[in-house]
Amino acid sequence: MSAKNRTRRQPVAPVVAAPAIEAPHRGLIPRVVGFGMLAAAAFGVVYAVTYFTKDNVATPPTTVSQPGTLTPPRVELPPVTPIADIKPTPTPARTPSSAELASWISAPFLASGSVPVASMVATYTVETSKIPPGMVLIPAGEFIMGSPGDTPHENEQPAHKVKLDSFYMDETEVTIAQFRKFVEATKYITTAEKPPDWEEMKKQLPPGTPKPPAEKMLPGSLVFIPPTNAVPTDNAARWWMWTLGACWKHPEGPGSNIDGRASHPVVHVSWDDAVAYAKWAGKRLPTEAEWEYAARGGLAGKRYTWGDEPLKDSDGKVTNIWQGTFPNLNTKVDGYDRTAPVKSYPANSYGLYDMAGNTWEWCADWYRADTYKDRKVTTLNPIGPPNFWDPGEPLAPKRVTRGGSFLCHVTYCESYRTAARRGTSTDTSMSHIGFRCVKD
């Protein structure tokens, strides 16, 4: 089934019409808190045959066998011009727990997969003119989703088979430049730019939780602030700070800006913000299954987007994650201490960048820690559970986030693994959360 002929149910948050679009009201807590081997040797690379009808033989379409190999149709070539007659032509320049929130918000530092399967051969032909700008075609196929039994991460188990139709996905995370165009066109106000609503906030807190001080109930977001010395990693309050005025335009707070960062992924965006942008762009957020399938890039059963080889702190050319000692010492071997411009590191086999590290990415699905336990047979185009459940924060409405971020390190958060998943409250905005879109 072609990508454009499918329909898929998706949970979509409403976007208010012009002149000013705003995300729905939300509480403070969630916001504050938290791609086979392209052919087995036995198969080789197979190219699909494009059928041309009688009417279009004269102008057959250019085809492409993903990822990225152009295959022009067979045509008659004109006579070759002698070299002496050729004139030179100039080349143009070219997330933390809700129950801890009450105490965190007033504190200086906020308390805040290897499954063997048959090798896959992804072959398809597509007219390049039909691929939306800035997107790549992800072919239909099957894969094993989740992690095997030797992982301590129960929310990634059991590994199970999923079958997906084709779809298009953004090459990169949505950039600051792209998000700016959206805001300028719609006058959209992000979650982090609006004051928290205590009535919504307390629905996610244990009964009797006191209301935070009025001076803290102002627009803001969670900003990563590295400690000055090594600290235990059992309490996120040691490196996350609720920062008034922090938002997508001021990533580190009021004294910061986005000058020179147009090609960086936009951060400090909630799920509501991401859905609003996607709707404006005529796209949607990926399902969790689509995201993992695309991240694997046809590498069946591999732990990372690049294979099974773990990264060392000296490896800085693969992806943007933490090098050094988390959370206080980042050696920046990869060149960045926070987000990196998109396309700074190699793409996976599907032509997607930053499917591991840089920023966490929002997915459409509700997050349940036990989602996979009900998948006993091959699941076709799963859209996730009908509701949310995180045993640590049962009252918080959470959506799935994937991919890990620049803060991930094997000693603390190895969530740049392809199967890694977590839930993040829909109104959460943080220094390391962004998104990318898909299209049918």
Protein backbone atom coordinates (compact mmCIF):
# COMPACT_ATOMS: atom_id res chain seq x y z
CA MET A 1 0.00 0.00 0.00
CA SER A 2 1.42 3.39 -0.92
CA ALA A 3 2.14 5.95 1.69
CA LYS A 4 -0.29 8.45 0.30
CA ASN A 5 -3.20 6.00 0.03
CA ARG A 6 -3.20 5.02 3.68
CA THR A 7 -5.31 6.45 6.38
CA ARG A 8 -4.28 6.19 9.96
CA ARG A 9 -6.01 7.17 13.13
CA GLN A 10 -3.93 9.63 15.05
CA PRO A 11 -4.55 11.48 18.25
CA VAL A 12 -4.37 15.13 17.31
CA ALA A 13 -4.57 18.08 19.60
CA PRO A 14 -6.78 20.91 18.27
CA VAL A 15 -5.16 24.08 16.99
CA VAL A 16 -7.11 27.28 17.41
CA ALA A 17 -7.61 29.28 14.20
CA ALA A 18 -5.87 32.59 13.43
CA PRO A 19 -5.02 35.18 14.50
CA ALA A 20 -3.44 33.53 17.50
CA ILE A 21 -2.99 29.78 17.91
CA GLU A 22 -2.33 28.49 21.35
CA ALA A 23 -1.65 25.03 22.73
CA PRO A 24 -4.27 23.75 25.18
CA HIS A 25 -3.86 24.69 28.82
CA ARG A 26 -1.57 22.39 30.74
CA GLY A 27 -0.13 21.87 34.12
CA LEU A 28 3.41 22.58 35.20
CA ILE A 29 4.58 19.15 36.28
CA PRO A 30 4.98 17.25 32.99
CA ARG A 31 6.42 20.29 31.33
CA VAL A 32 8.88 20.79 34.06
CA VAL A 33 9.47 17.10 34.52
CA GLY A 34 10.67 14.78 32.05
CA PHE A 35 16.95 2.29 11.59
CA GLY A 36 19.61 -4.94 7.26
CA MET A 37 21.57 -4.87 6.73
CA LEU A 38 20.25 -3.54 3.43
CA ALA A 39 20.51 -6.94 1.88
CA ALA A 40 21.91 -10.13 3.12
CA ALA A 41 24.76 -11.34 0.90
CA ALA A 42 22.48 -14.09 -0.33
CA PHE A 43 19.96 -11.60 -1.65
CA GLY A 44 21.94 -8.56 -2.89
CA VAL A 45 20.35 -5.30 -3.78
CA VAL A 46 17.20 -5.67 -5.88
CA TYR A 47 15.83 -2.82 -7.92
CA ALA A 48 12.15 -2.62 -8.71
CA VAL A 49 11.16 -2.35 -12.35
CA THR A 50 9.23 0.74 -13.32
CA TYR A 51 6.41 0.11 -15.80
CA PHE A 52 5.86 2.82 -18.34
CA THR A 53 2.57 3.08 -20.21
CA LYS A 54 2.24 3.93 -23.87
CA ASP A 55 1.50 7.54 -23.09
CA ASN A 56 4.52 8.27 -20.94
CA VAL A 57 7.35 6.46 -22.75
CA ALA A 58 8.59 9.77 -24.08
CA THR A 59 9.04 11.21 -20.62
CA PRO A 60 9.69 8.38 -18.17
CA PRO A 61 10.09 9.48 -14.57
CA THR A 62 13.44 9.43 -12.82
CA THR A 63 13.49 6.64 -10.28
CA VAL A 64 15.38 6.22 -7.09
CA SER A 65 16.21 3.05 -5.18
CA GLN A 66 16.46 4.16 -1.60
CA PRO A 67 18.51 5.10 0.10
CA GLY A 68 19.72 7.87 -2.17
CA THR A 69 20.80 6.03 -5.35
CA LEU A 70 19.46 7.71 -8.48
CA THR A 71 18.71 5.36 -11.41
CA PRO A 72 17.89 7.29 -14.62
CA PRO A 73 15.75 5.52 -17.26
CA ARG A 74 17.39 4.19 -20.44
CA VAL A 75 17.34 6.97 -23.08
CA GLU A 76 19.04 7.79 -26.39
CA LEU A 77 22.03 10.07 -25.80
CA PRO A 78 22.88 12.95 -28.20
CA PRO A 79 26.22 13.03 -30.07
CA VAL A 80 29.19 13.87 -27.89
CA THR A 81 30.57 17.38 -28.38
CA PRO A 82 34.33 17.44 -29.09
CA ILE A 83 36.28 18.65 -26.09
CA ALA A 84 37.80 21.51 -28.05
CA ASP A 85 34.34 22.93 -28.69
CA ILE A 86 33.29 22.93 -25.05
CA LYS A 87 33.27 26.37 -23.48
CA PRO A 88 33.90 26.55 -19.73
CA THR A 89 30.91 27.60 -17.65
CA PRO A 90 31.40 29.19 -14.24
CA THR A 91 30.05 27.16 -11.33
CA PRO A 92 27.59 29.17 -9.24
CA ALA A 93 28.41 29.66 -5.57
CA ARG A 94 26.69 27.58 -3.99
CA THR A 95 11.58 13.11 33.38
CA PRO A 96 11.14 13.62 36.79
CA SER A 97 8.25 12.42 39.18
CA SER A 98 5.15 14.49 39.79
CA ALA A 99 5.20 13.79 43.50
CA GLU A 100 8.60 15.49 43.74
CA LEU A 101 7.47 18.64 41.94
CA ALA A 102 6.27 20.59 44.91
CA SER A 103 9.68 20.45 46.56
CA TRP A 104 11.67 20.79 43.33
CA ILE A 105 10.02 23.94 42.13
CA SER A 106 11.18 25.88 45.14
CA ALA A 107 14.68 24.38 45.22
CA PRO A 108 17.76 25.99 43.62
CA PHE A 109 18.12 22.88 41.43
CA LEU A 110 14.92 21.34 40.22
CA ALA A 111 14.20 17.77 41.11
CA SER A 112 14.05 17.34 38.34
CA GLY A 113 18.26 -4.87 20.78
CA SER A 114 19.43 -7.73 19.51
CA VAL A 115 16.77 -10.17 18.26
CA PRO A 116 17.88 -12.56 15.46
CA VAL A 117 15.59 -12.28 12.45
CA ALA A 118 15.89 -12.98 8.73
CA SER A 119 17.80 -10.22 6.93
CA MET A 120 15.56 -7.73 5.22
CA VAL A 121 15.89 -6.44 1.66
CA ALA A 122 14.22 -3.08 1.22
CA THR A 123 13.65 -2.41 -2.47
CA TYR A 124 11.32 0.04 -4.06
CA THR A 125 11.02 2.56 -6.87
CA VAL A 126 9.57 6.01 -6.49
CA GLU A 127 9.32 9.15 -8.54
CA THR A 128 11.59 11.63 -6.82
CA SER A 129 9.18 14.45 -7.57
CA LYS A 130 6.63 12.80 -5.29
CA ILE A 131 8.83 12.87 -2.19
CA PRO A 132 7.97 15.94 -0.10
CA PRO A 133 10.90 18.36 0.31
CA GLY A 134 13.11 17.54 3.28
CA MET A 135 11.59 14.08 3.71
CA VAL A 136 12.60 10.53 2.76
CA LEU A 137 10.46 7.54 1.85
CA ILE A 138 10.46 4.77 4.45
CA PRO A 139 9.49 1.54 2.64
CA ALA A 140 6.79 -0.79 3.85
CA GLY A 141 8.07 -3.83 5.73
CA GLU A 142 8.24 -5.93 8.88
CA PHE A 143 10.66 -5.75 11.79
CA ILE A 144 11.15 -6.94 15.32
CA MET A 145 10.23 -4.16 17.71
CA GLY A 146 11.56 -3.95 21.24
CA SER A 147 14.39 -5.65 23.11
CA PRO A 148 15.21 -9.33 23.82
CA GLY A 149 14.90 -10.98 27.21
CA ASP A 150 18.40 -10.03 28.36
CA THR A 151 17.56 -6.37 28.91
CA PRO A 152 16.66 -4.86 32.27
CA HIS A 153 14.20 -2.54 30.55
CA GLU A 154 10.86 -4.28 30.97
CA ASN A 155 8.98 -1.56 29.10
CA GLU A 156 10.82 -2.68 25.91
CA GLN A 157 9.60 -6.27 26.23
CA PRO A 158 8.60 -8.63 24.82
CA ALA A 159 10.22 -8.18 21.42
CA HIS A 160 7.48 -8.66 18.84
CA LYS A 161 6.85 -8.49 15.09
CA VAL A 162 5.32 -5.37 13.56
CA LYS A 163 4.30 -4.78 9.97
CA LEU A 164 4.09 -1.23 8.58
CA ASP A 165 2.93 0.47 5.41
CA SER A 166 5.29 2.95 3.77
CA PHE A 167 5.41 6.57 4.88
CA TYR A 168 7.53 9.69 4.54
CA MET A 169 9.64 11.02 7.40
CA ASP A 170 11.52 14.26 7.93
CA GLU A 171 15.25 13.84 7.27
CA THR A 172 16.01 15.77 10.42
CA GLU A 173 14.48 17.02 13.58
CA VAL A 174 12.43 20.17 13.11
CA THR A 175 14.88 23.05 13.26
CA ILE A 176 14.64 26.40 14.97
CA ALA A 177 14.36 28.07 11.55
CA GLN A 178 11.43 25.86 10.60
CA PHE A 179 9.67 26.36 13.90
CA ARG A 180 10.18 30.13 13.67
CA LYS A 181 8.32 30.19 10.33
CA PHE A 182 5.42 28.38 11.99
CA VAL A 183 5.29 30.82 14.87
CA GLU A 184 5.51 33.85 12.60
CA ALA A 185 2.73 32.51 10.38
CA THR A 186 0.34 31.56 13.19
CA LYS A 187 1.33 33.71 16.18
CA TYR A 188 1.51 30.47 18.13
CA ILE A 189 2.38 30.61 21.80
CA THR A 190 4.23 27.58 23.14
CA THR A 191 3.55 25.81 26.39
CA ALA A 192 6.70 27.20 28.00
CA GLU A 193 5.64 30.75 27.15
CA LYS A 194 2.43 30.55 29.18
CA PRO A 195 2.02 30.47 32.95
CA PRO A 196 1.09 27.12 34.52
CA ASP A 197 -2.52 26.40 35.42
CA TRP A 198 -2.65 25.20 39.02
CA GLU A 199 -6.07 23.61 38.54
CA GLU A 200 -4.62 21.37 35.82
CA MET A 201 -1.39 20.86 37.67
CA LYS A 202 -2.89 19.52 40.87
CA LYS A 203 -4.80 16.80 38.96
CA GLN A 204 -1.44 15.07 38.50
CA LEU A 205 -0.28 15.45 42.09
CA PRO A 206 -1.08 13.46 45.19
CA PRO A 207 -3.99 14.94 47.16
CA GLY A 208 -2.90 17.61 49.57
CA THR A 209 0.17 18.72 47.61
CA PRO A 210 0.63 22.42 48.39
CA LYS A 211 0.52 24.98 45.63
CA PRO A 212 3.99 26.27 44.62
CA PRO A 213 4.82 29.89 45.43
CA ALA A 214 3.23 32.46 43.14
CA GLU A 215 6.63 33.66 41.96
CA LYS A 216 7.29 30.18 40.58
CA MET A 217 3.97 29.92 38.74
CA LEU A 218 5.25 31.94 35.79
CA PRO A 219 6.22 30.96 32.20
CA GLY A 220 9.38 28.86 32.11
CA SER A 221 10.90 25.49 31.32
CA LEU A 222 13.45 22.99 32.59
CA VAL A 223 17.04 23.80 31.69
CA PHE A 224 20.02 21.48 32.05
CA ILE A 225 22.58 23.02 34.41
CA PRO A 226 25.67 20.82 34.91
CA PRO A 227 26.90 20.54 38.52
CA THR A 228 30.34 21.91 39.26
CA ASN A 229 31.56 18.55 40.58
CA ALA A 230 30.78 14.84 40.30
CA VAL A 231 27.47 13.89 41.92
CA PRO A 232 25.40 10.69 42.29
CA THR A 233 23.07 10.16 39.34
CA ASP A 234 20.08 9.01 41.36
CA ASN A 235 18.45 12.41 41.56
CA ALA A 236 17.79 14.57 38.48
CA ALA A 237 17.29 17.56 40.76
CA ARG A 238 21.05 17.92 40.76
CA TRP A 239 21.20 19.00 37.10
CA TRP A 240 17.77 20.28 36.09
CA MET A 241 16.63 23.77 37.02
CA TRP A 242 13.21 25.33 36.55
CA THR A 243 14.15 28.52 34.73
CA LEU A 244 11.69 31.37 34.35
CA GLY A 245 11.66 32.73 30.81
CA ALA A 246 13.28 29.66 29.25
CA CYS A 247 11.58 28.68 25.98
CA TRP A 248 12.40 27.82 22.38
CA LYS A 249 13.66 31.37 21.78
CA HIS A 250 15.72 31.43 24.97
CA PRO A 251 17.00 27.84 25.39
CA GLU A 252 19.15 28.54 28.45
CA GLY A 253 16.92 31.22 29.91
CA PRO A 254 16.28 34.96 29.44
CA GLY A 255 19.95 35.82 28.91
CA SER A 256 20.27 33.38 26.00
CA ASN A 257 19.06 33.52 22.39
CA ILE A 258 18.98 31.47 19.20
CA ASP A 259 21.35 33.60 17.13
CA GLY A 260 23.50 31.32 14.99
CA ARG A 261 21.38 28.29 15.89
CA ALA A 262 18.86 28.28 13.03
CA SER A 263 19.92 24.79 11.94
CA HIS A 264 19.79 23.34 15.46
CA PRO A 265 16.75 21.30 16.47
CA VAL A 266 14.12 23.34 18.25
CA VAL A 267 13.78 22.41 21.93
CA HIS A 268 11.58 23.41 24.85
CA VAL A 269 8.55 22.21 22.87
CA SER A 270 5.77 20.19 24.45
CA TRP A 271 3.75 17.43 22.74
CA ASP A 272 1.00 19.97 22.23
CA ASP A 273 3.46 22.30 20.48
CA ALA A 274 4.77 19.51 18.25
CA VAL A 275 1.25 18.45 17.22
CA ALA A 276 0.33 22.06 16.42
CA TYR A 277 3.40 22.46 14.18
CA ALA A 278 2.77 19.13 12.44
CA LYS A 279 -0.83 20.04 11.68
CA TRP A 280 0.23 23.43 10.29
CA ALA A 281 2.85 21.70 8.09
CA GLY A 282 0.31 19.17 6.76
CA LYS A 283 2.05 16.32 8.55
CA ARG A 284 1.72 14.38 11.80
CA LEU A 285 3.88 12.93 14.53
CA PRO A 286 5.21 9.40 13.91
CA THR A 287 3.78 6.46 15.76
CA GLU A 288 6.23 4.79 18.10
CA ALA A 289 6.45 1.78 15.74
CA GLU A 290 7.15 4.00 12.74
CA TRP A 291 9.84 5.81 14.68
CA GLU A 292 11.69 2.65 15.74
CA TYR A 293 11.39 1.04 12.28
CA ALA A 294 12.80 4.17 10.63
CA ALA A 295 15.58 4.50 13.21
CA ARG A 296 16.73 0.92 12.58
CA GLY A 297 17.14 1.77 8.88
CA GLY A 298 16.77 -1.86 7.83
CA LEU A 299 19.42 -3.12 10.26
CA ALA A 300 17.56 -6.10 11.64
CA GLY A 301 17.99 -6.71 15.36
CA LYS A 302 20.80 -4.22 15.93
CA ARG A 303 21.23 -2.39 19.21
CA TYR A 304 22.06 1.01 17.73
CA THR A 305 21.29 2.85 14.51
CA TRP A 306 24.84 2.09 13.33
CA GLY A 307 25.02 -1.59 14.45
CA ASP A 308 26.01 -3.36 17.67
CA GLU A 309 29.34 -1.70 18.46
CA PRO A 310 29.13 0.47 21.61
CA LEU A 311 30.60 3.96 21.43
CA LYS A 312 33.62 5.01 23.46
CA ASP A 313 34.09 8.46 24.91
CA SER A 314 36.68 9.02 22.18
CA ASP A 315 34.08 8.41 19.43
CA GLY A 316 32.84 11.83 18.39
CA LYS A 317 31.83 11.40 14.77
CA VAL A 318 28.79 9.15 15.09
CA THR A 319 26.18 11.03 17.06
CA ASN A 320 25.69 13.78 19.60
CA ILE A 321 25.69 12.21 23.05
CA TRP A 322 27.60 12.85 26.26
CA GLN A 323 31.34 12.17 26.46
CA GLY A 324 33.14 12.29 29.76
CA THR A 325 31.63 12.01 33.22
CA PHE A 326 27.89 12.63 33.45
CA PRO A 327 26.55 15.05 34.51
CA ASN A 328 29.38 17.41 35.42
CA LEU A 329 32.13 16.93 32.81
CA ASN A 330 31.46 16.90 29.07
CA THR A 331 34.65 16.59 27.02
CA LYS A 332 32.69 17.55 23.89
CA VAL A 333 34.58 15.12 21.64
CA ASP A 334 31.60 15.30 19.31
CA GLY A 335 32.02 19.08 19.13
CA TYR A 336 29.02 20.19 21.16
CA ASP A 337 27.98 20.45 24.78
CA ARG A 338 24.29 20.81 23.97
CA THR A 339 22.37 20.40 20.71
CA ALA A 340 24.26 20.11 17.40
CA PRO A 341 23.12 21.43 14.01
CA VAL A 342 21.10 18.83 12.15
CA LYS A 343 23.09 16.75 9.63
CA SER A 344 26.27 17.11 11.70
CA TYR A 345 26.67 13.32 11.83
CA PRO A 346 26.15 10.48 9.30
CA ALA A 347 22.62 9.52 8.33
CA ASN A 348 21.32 5.98 8.74
CA SER A 349 20.60 3.70 5.77
CA TYR A 350 17.28 5.36 5.13
CA GLY A 351 18.86 8.82 4.97
CA LEU A 352 17.63 9.97 8.39
CA TYR A 353 19.82 12.08 10.66
CA ASP A 354 20.03 12.13 14.44
CA MET A 355 17.82 9.12 15.10
CA ALA A 356 20.15 8.55 18.04
CA GLY A 357 21.09 11.40 20.33
CA ASN A 358 20.86 15.18 19.89
CA THR A 359 17.29 15.49 21.16
CA TRP A 360 14.52 13.23 22.37
CA GLU A 361 11.67 13.14 19.85
CA TRP A 362 7.93 13.13 20.48
CA CYS A 363 5.78 10.31 19.09
CA ALA A 364 2.00 10.21 18.67
CA ASP A 365 1.33 7.26 21.01
CA TRP A 366 0.21 7.36 24.59
CA TYR A 367 2.89 5.85 26.79
CA ARG A 368 2.18 2.72 28.78
CA ALA A 369 4.97 0.78 30.43
CA ASP A 370 3.15 -2.46 29.52
CA THR A 371 2.23 -1.66 25.89
CA TYR A 372 4.14 -4.58 24.37
CA LYS A 373 2.74 -7.24 26.68
CA ASP A 374 -0.53 -7.44 24.74
CA ARG A 375 1.10 -7.93 21.34
CA LYS A 376 0.98 -11.71 20.86
CA VAL A 377 0.84 -11.81 17.03
CA THR A 378 2.17 -9.66 14.20
CA THR A 379 0.76 -6.19 14.68
CA LEU A 380 -0.19 -4.13 11.62
CA ASN A 381 0.39 -0.38 11.79
CA PRO A 382 -0.01 -0.09 15.57
CA ILE A 383 -1.04 3.32 16.85
CA GLY A 384 -0.39 2.63 20.51
CA PRO A 385 -2.65 2.10 23.52
CA PRO A 386 -5.89 4.02 24.14
CA ASN A 387 -4.62 5.47 27.41
CA PHE A 388 -1.52 6.14 29.47
CA TRP A 389 0.11 4.42 32.40
CA ASP A 390 3.45 4.94 34.06
CA PRO A 391 3.68 3.14 37.41
CA GLY A 392 5.95 5.89 38.70
CA GLU A 393 3.50 8.66 37.81
CA PRO A 394 0.09 7.07 37.24
CA LEU A 395 -1.76 10.38 37.14
CA ALA A 396 0.45 12.08 34.54
CA PRO A 397 -0.78 11.90 30.90
CA LYS A 398 2.33 10.82 29.02
CA ARG A 399 3.22 10.35 25.36
CA VAL A 400 6.16 8.34 24.01
CA THR A 401 9.53 10.03 23.46
CA ARG A 402 12.33 8.28 21.56
CA GLY A 403 15.98 8.57 20.50
CA GLY A 404 17.80 9.88 23.54
CA SER A 405 19.66 13.16 23.56
CA PHE A 406 22.97 14.99 23.98
CA LEU A 407 22.73 14.14 27.68
CA CYS A 408 22.76 10.36 27.20
CA HIS A 409 25.77 8.38 28.41
CA VAL A 410 26.16 4.63 28.88
CA THR A 411 26.75 5.11 32.59
CA TYR A 412 23.44 6.85 33.09
CA CYS A 413 21.05 6.88 30.13
CA GLU A 414 21.83 4.71 27.12
CA SER A 415 18.56 5.73 25.53
CA TYR A 416 20.12 6.26 22.12
CA ARG A 417 19.52 2.52 21.66
CA THR A 418 16.92 1.90 18.91
CA ALA A 419 14.54 0.08 21.26
CA ALA A 420 14.76 2.54 24.15
CA ARG A 421 11.49 4.22 25.06
CA ARG A 422 10.12 6.40 27.78
CA GLY A 423 7.04 8.40 28.58
CA THR A 424 7.02 12.17 28.94
CA SER A 425 4.09 14.27 30.07
CA THR A 426 2.35 15.99 27.20
CA ASP A 427 3.03 19.46 28.55
CA THR A 428 6.70 18.88 29.31
CA SER A 429 9.27 21.19 27.74
CA MET A 430 12.98 20.75 28.38
CA SER A 431 16.44 21.54 26.99
CA HIS A 432 16.69 18.17 25.25
CA ILE A 433 13.22 17.46 23.80
CA GLY A 434 12.40 18.12 20.11
CA PHE A 435 10.55 16.27 17.35
CA ARG A 436 10.29 15.39 13.67
CA CYS A 437 7.24 14.73 11.50
CA VAL A 438 5.93 12.08 9.10
CA LYS A 439 3.44 12.10 6.24
CA ASP A 440 1.32 9.40 4.59
